[in-house]
Amino acid sequence: MDYKTLKIEHRGASAWIWMSRPEVHNAFDETLIAELTAAFTTLDADPAVRAIVLAGEGKSFSAGADLNWMQRQGAAALEDNLTDARKLAGLFRAISMCSTPTIARVHGAALGGGMGLASASDICVASTKAQFATSEVRLGIIPAAIGPYVVRAIGERQAYRYFQTAERISAEQARHIGLAHEVAEPQELDARVQQVVDALLLGGPLAQAAATDLIRAVAHRPVDDEVAEDTAQRIATLRATPEAREGLAAFLGKRAPAWTQGHA
């Protein structure tokens, strides 16, 4: 697929999606939203892709919504406005529901929807120069589409502050509140992302997909009989798969499992 706002780079078993609107700090418009959704959906369906990295060209990761696009939507009929909002919500859901591990490589500004991209990804690795914000209230709107993912990343208590103040969040503070998993100097950012990719390639792909599905199933639920039974069903089912048998055989045989061939 030919993209107008993205560049796709394959690095071994990882695919890097580069947002390529540096002149507007990779701000969202209808084209970028549609192309990001398509790119994540397509790459997630490719068994040769074991990790997806999202990055931005230029000075910023993403400055959020393109203001010209926002103005167009604000002036549109309600149904058209709602259709566009649903597409934006669909983008974050597509990223969040990927079976393939996703990593946000964040440098510079990650504002509004840019912070949403970082939150919807499984893992966030940030430059020390990165800055985050849920800046929507300063424009008279709210971080609605990104809200579920940001709250999941930083917690309800922190969201009460940052959703209302729209303060800038430094990379170190982002790590402190749970948004960023790792912080690296700018010149070391790609190497640190690659280290995370390398770690991901050591895991079984079906197991990783099952692990993220497990998180969604048990998060914020009491450990009652239903949850306990569900976890038992999951491990019993997974243990019987060829991937699990290969993993156990490889461990006992003191060799690398088949899925790491060419990556280890």
Protein backbone atom coordinates (compact mmCIF):
# COMPACT_ATOMS: atom_id res chain seq x y z
CA MET A 1 0.00 0.00 0.00
CA ASP A 2 1.22 3.47 -0.88
CA TYR A 3 0.94 5.90 2.02
CA LYS A 4 0.90 9.69 1.81
CA THR A 5 1.59 10.39 5.49
CA LEU A 6 3.58 7.31 6.57
CA LYS A 7 6.77 5.46 5.75
CA ILE A 8 7.08 1.76 6.60
CA GLU A 9 10.55 0.41 7.33
CA HIS A 10 11.25 -3.27 7.91
CA ARG A 11 14.16 -4.09 10.18
CA GLY A 12 14.39 -7.85 10.33
CA ALA A 13 11.31 -9.13 12.14
CA SER A 14 10.23 -5.64 13.28
CA ALA A 15 8.29 -3.06 11.27
CA TRP A 16 8.76 0.63 11.97
CA ILE A 17 5.90 2.98 11.12
CA TRP A 18 7.20 6.50 10.65
CA MET A 19 4.63 9.28 10.74
CA SER A 20 5.79 11.59 7.98
CA ARG A 21 4.17 15.00 8.37
CA PRO A 22 7.14 16.76 9.98
CA GLU A 23 6.06 20.18 8.71
CA VAL A 24 3.05 20.03 11.07
CA HIS A 25 4.76 17.96 13.80
CA ASN A 26 2.95 14.81 12.64
CA ALA A 27 -0.42 16.23 13.60
CA PHE A 28 -3.50 14.13 12.88
CA ASP A 29 -5.82 14.72 9.99
CA GLU A 30 -8.26 12.35 8.31
CA THR A 31 -5.55 10.92 6.05
CA LEU A 32 -3.05 10.17 8.81
CA ILE A 33 -5.80 8.60 10.93
CA ALA A 34 -6.92 6.33 8.09
CA GLU A 35 -3.38 5.37 7.11
CA LEU A 36 -2.23 4.62 10.66
CA THR A 37 -5.28 2.41 11.17
CA ALA A 38 -4.58 0.57 7.92
CA ALA A 39 -0.86 0.19 8.65
CA PHE A 40 -1.35 -1.29 12.11
CA THR A 41 -4.10 -3.61 10.87
CA THR A 42 -2.00 -4.81 7.93
CA LEU A 43 1.21 -5.32 9.89
CA ASP A 44 -0.60 -7.04 12.74
CA ALA A 45 -1.93 -9.59 10.25
CA ASP A 46 1.56 -10.35 8.88
CA PRO A 47 3.10 -13.34 10.72
CA ALA A 48 6.59 -12.24 9.60
CA VAL A 49 6.23 -9.08 11.71
CA ARG A 50 7.02 -9.79 15.35
CA ALA A 51 7.05 -6.21 16.67
CA ILE A 52 5.64 -2.89 15.47
CA VAL A 53 7.44 0.35 16.33
CA LEU A 54 5.65 3.69 15.93
CA ALA A 55 7.87 6.74 15.44
CA GLY A 56 7.69 10.27 14.08
CA GLU A 57 9.88 12.14 11.61
CA GLY A 58 11.09 15.64 12.34
CA LYS A 59 11.14 17.46 15.67
CA SER A 60 8.09 15.82 17.22
CA PHE A 61 6.53 12.42 17.75
CA SER A 62 3.05 13.90 17.25
CA ALA A 63 1.55 17.21 18.27
CA GLY A 64 -1.95 15.76 18.30
CA ALA A 65 -4.81 16.95 16.13
CA ASP A 66 -4.24 19.16 13.12
CA LEU A 67 -6.07 22.37 14.04
CA ASN A 68 -7.31 22.91 10.49
CA TRP A 69 -8.83 19.43 10.56
CA MET A 70 -10.35 20.16 13.98
CA GLN A 71 -11.92 23.35 12.66
CA ARG A 72 -13.39 21.48 9.71
CA GLN A 73 -14.93 18.90 12.01
CA GLY A 74 -16.29 21.55 14.37
CA ALA A 75 -18.06 23.23 11.45
CA ALA A 76 -19.38 19.98 9.99
CA ALA A 77 -22.85 18.53 10.48
CA LEU A 78 -23.17 16.45 13.66
CA GLU A 79 -23.33 13.13 11.79
CA ASP A 80 -20.19 13.91 9.78
CA ASN A 81 -18.43 15.09 12.94
CA LEU A 82 -19.42 11.87 14.71
CA THR A 83 -18.23 9.72 11.80
CA ASP A 84 -14.80 11.32 11.97
CA ALA A 85 -14.67 10.96 15.77
CA ARG A 86 -15.47 7.26 15.43
CA LYS A 87 -12.58 6.83 12.99
CA LEU A 88 -10.21 8.46 15.49
CA ALA A 89 -11.48 6.22 18.28
CA GLY A 90 -11.05 3.27 15.94
CA LEU A 91 -7.38 4.12 15.41
CA PHE A 92 -6.52 3.93 19.10
CA ARG A 93 -8.52 0.75 19.48
CA ALA A 94 -6.73 -0.82 16.50
CA ILE A 95 -3.35 -0.09 18.11
CA SER A 96 -4.47 -1.25 21.55
CA MET A 97 -5.91 -4.53 20.25
CA CYS A 98 -2.91 -5.57 18.15
CA SER A 99 -1.82 -9.15 18.78
CA THR A 100 1.68 -8.12 17.72
CA PRO A 101 3.64 -6.24 20.41
CA THR A 102 3.65 -2.47 19.81
CA ILE A 103 6.26 0.07 20.89
CA ALA A 104 5.98 3.86 20.79
CA ARG A 105 9.36 5.52 20.12
CA VAL A 106 8.71 9.00 21.48
CA HIS A 107 10.94 12.01 20.92
CA GLY A 108 9.98 15.66 21.15
CA ALA A 109 6.33 16.53 21.65
CA ALA A 110 3.65 13.90 22.20
CA LEU A 111 0.61 16.06 22.81
CA GLY A 112 -3.09 15.20 22.84
CA GLY A 113 -3.50 12.41 20.34
CA GLY A 114 0.26 11.94 20.34
CA MET A 115 0.10 11.05 24.02
CA GLY A 116 -2.80 8.79 23.10
CA LEU A 117 -0.62 6.91 20.62
CA ALA A 118 2.03 6.39 23.30
CA SER A 119 -0.61 5.20 25.77
CA ALA A 120 -2.36 2.84 23.35
CA SER A 121 0.94 1.13 22.50
CA ASP A 122 2.03 -1.78 24.68
CA ILE A 123 5.41 -0.24 25.46
CA CYS A 124 6.67 3.35 25.44
CA VAL A 125 10.35 4.25 25.12
CA ALA A 126 10.94 8.01 25.36
CA SER A 127 13.79 10.38 24.74
CA THR A 128 14.88 12.53 27.65
CA LYS A 129 13.74 15.45 25.48
CA ALA A 130 10.21 14.09 25.08
CA GLN A 131 7.26 16.01 26.47
CA PHE A 132 3.73 14.72 26.90
CA ALA A 133 0.40 16.45 27.59
CA THR A 134 -3.32 15.95 27.44
CA SER A 135 -3.70 19.49 26.17
CA GLU A 136 -7.30 19.33 24.95
CA VAL A 137 -8.98 21.47 27.64
CA ARG A 138 -6.91 24.45 26.55
CA LEU A 139 -8.73 24.19 23.22
CA GLY A 140 -12.11 23.83 24.89
CA ILE A 141 -12.40 20.09 24.23
CA ILE A 142 -11.59 16.86 26.11
CA PRO A 143 -9.22 13.89 25.54
CA ALA A 144 -12.15 11.62 24.77
CA ALA A 145 -10.84 9.18 22.14
CA ILE A 146 -7.51 8.78 23.94
CA GLY A 147 -9.04 8.80 27.42
CA PRO A 148 -9.37 5.04 28.02
CA TYR A 149 -5.76 4.42 27.04
CA VAL A 150 -4.25 7.32 28.96
CA VAL A 151 -6.19 6.41 32.10
CA ARG A 152 -5.02 2.82 31.68
CA ALA A 153 -1.42 4.02 31.36
CA ILE A 154 -1.20 6.61 34.15
CA GLY A 155 -4.11 5.70 36.41
CA GLU A 156 -7.28 7.52 37.39
CA ARG A 157 -5.66 9.70 40.05
CA GLN A 158 -3.03 11.17 37.71
CA ALA A 159 -5.63 11.62 34.97
CA TYR A 160 -7.71 13.89 37.23
CA ARG A 161 -4.76 16.26 37.34
CA TYR A 162 -3.44 16.17 33.80
CA PHE A 163 -6.78 16.03 31.98
CA GLN A 164 -7.72 19.29 33.71
CA THR A 165 -4.43 21.19 33.94
CA ALA A 166 -3.03 20.18 30.53
CA GLU A 167 0.44 20.60 32.04
CA ARG A 168 3.48 19.39 30.11
CA ILE A 169 4.85 16.11 31.44
CA SER A 170 8.59 15.57 31.17
CA ALA A 171 10.07 12.24 30.14
CA GLU A 172 11.18 11.51 33.70
CA GLN A 173 7.76 12.37 35.08
CA ALA A 174 6.18 10.21 32.37
CA ARG A 175 8.26 7.29 33.59
CA HIS A 176 7.37 8.09 37.20
CA ILE A 177 3.61 7.99 36.54
CA GLY A 178 3.78 4.86 34.39
CA LEU A 179 3.40 6.28 30.90
CA ALA A 180 6.97 5.65 29.71
CA HIS A 181 8.65 2.33 30.43
CA GLU A 182 12.13 3.54 29.50
CA VAL A 183 13.85 6.91 29.06
CA ALA A 184 17.01 7.25 26.98
CA GLU A 185 19.24 10.05 25.76
CA PRO A 186 18.30 11.10 22.21
CA GLN A 187 21.38 9.53 20.64
CA GLU A 188 20.63 6.25 22.44
CA LEU A 189 16.88 6.13 21.75
CA ASP A 190 16.94 3.81 18.72
CA ALA A 191 19.38 1.43 20.40
CA ARG A 192 17.13 1.22 23.46
CA VAL A 193 14.08 0.56 21.30
CA GLN A 194 16.02 -2.17 19.52
CA GLN A 195 16.91 -3.76 22.84
CA VAL A 196 13.21 -3.99 23.65
CA VAL A 197 12.50 -5.43 20.20
CA ASP A 198 15.25 -8.01 20.70
CA ALA A 199 13.73 -9.04 24.02
CA LEU A 200 10.33 -9.42 22.38
CA LEU A 201 11.75 -11.67 19.67
CA LEU A 202 12.79 -14.20 22.31
CA GLY A 203 9.17 -14.85 23.28
CA GLY A 204 6.68 -17.10 21.54
CA PRO A 205 4.40 -14.99 19.31
CA LEU A 206 1.23 -16.91 20.18
CA ALA A 207 2.10 -16.71 23.87
CA GLN A 208 2.66 -12.96 23.63
CA ALA A 209 -0.73 -12.47 21.98
CA ALA A 210 -2.32 -14.66 24.66
CA ALA A 211 -0.51 -12.69 27.38
CA THR A 212 -1.94 -9.35 26.24
CA ASP A 213 -5.38 -10.92 25.96
CA LEU A 214 -4.98 -12.20 29.53
CA ILE A 215 -4.19 -8.70 30.78
CA ARG A 216 -7.36 -7.33 29.18
CA ALA A 217 -9.39 -10.15 30.72
CA VAL A 218 -8.19 -9.80 34.33
CA ALA A 219 -7.35 -6.12 34.76
CA HIS A 220 -9.48 -4.39 37.40
CA ARG A 221 -11.50 -7.53 38.12
CA PRO A 222 -11.78 -9.25 41.49
CA VAL A 223 -10.09 -12.65 41.64
CA ASP A 224 -13.30 -14.60 42.00
CA ASP A 225 -14.17 -18.16 40.91
CA GLU A 226 -14.93 -17.01 37.37
CA VAL A 227 -11.55 -15.33 36.93
CA ALA A 228 -9.69 -18.27 38.50
CA GLU A 229 -11.43 -20.72 36.18
CA ASP A 230 -10.74 -18.52 33.16
CA THR A 231 -7.01 -18.43 33.95
CA ALA A 232 -6.96 -22.22 34.37
CA GLN A 233 -8.66 -22.65 31.01
CA ARG A 234 -6.19 -20.32 29.34
CA ILE A 235 -3.03 -22.05 30.57
CA ALA A 236 -4.42 -25.54 29.94
CA THR A 237 -5.31 -24.58 26.37
CA LEU A 238 -1.98 -22.91 25.70
CA ARG A 239 0.12 -25.74 27.15
CA ALA A 240 -1.31 -28.07 24.50
CA THR A 241 -0.23 -25.89 21.55
CA PRO A 242 2.74 -26.75 19.29
CA GLU A 243 4.40 -23.48 20.31
CA ALA A 244 4.31 -24.37 23.99
CA ARG A 245 5.58 -27.88 23.32
CA GLU A 246 8.45 -26.43 21.28
CA GLY A 247 9.27 -23.92 24.00
CA LEU A 248 9.44 -26.57 26.70
CA ALA A 249 11.44 -28.95 24.51
CA ALA A 250 13.90 -26.20 23.65
CA PHE A 251 14.37 -25.27 27.30
CA LEU A 252 14.92 -28.86 28.38
CA GLY A 253 17.20 -29.44 25.39
CA LYS A 254 19.18 -26.28 26.18
CA ARG A 255 18.64 -24.86 22.71
CA ALA A 256 16.91 -21.82 21.24
CA PRO A 257 13.25 -22.32 20.31
CA ALA A 258 12.32 -22.39 16.63
CA TRP A 259 10.67 -18.99 16.67
CA THR A 260 13.98 -17.25 17.46
CA GLN A 261 15.76 -18.64 14.41
CA GLY A 262 17.27 -15.76 12.49
CA HIS A 263 16.53 -13.34 15.39
CA ALA A 264 18.51 -14.57 18.40
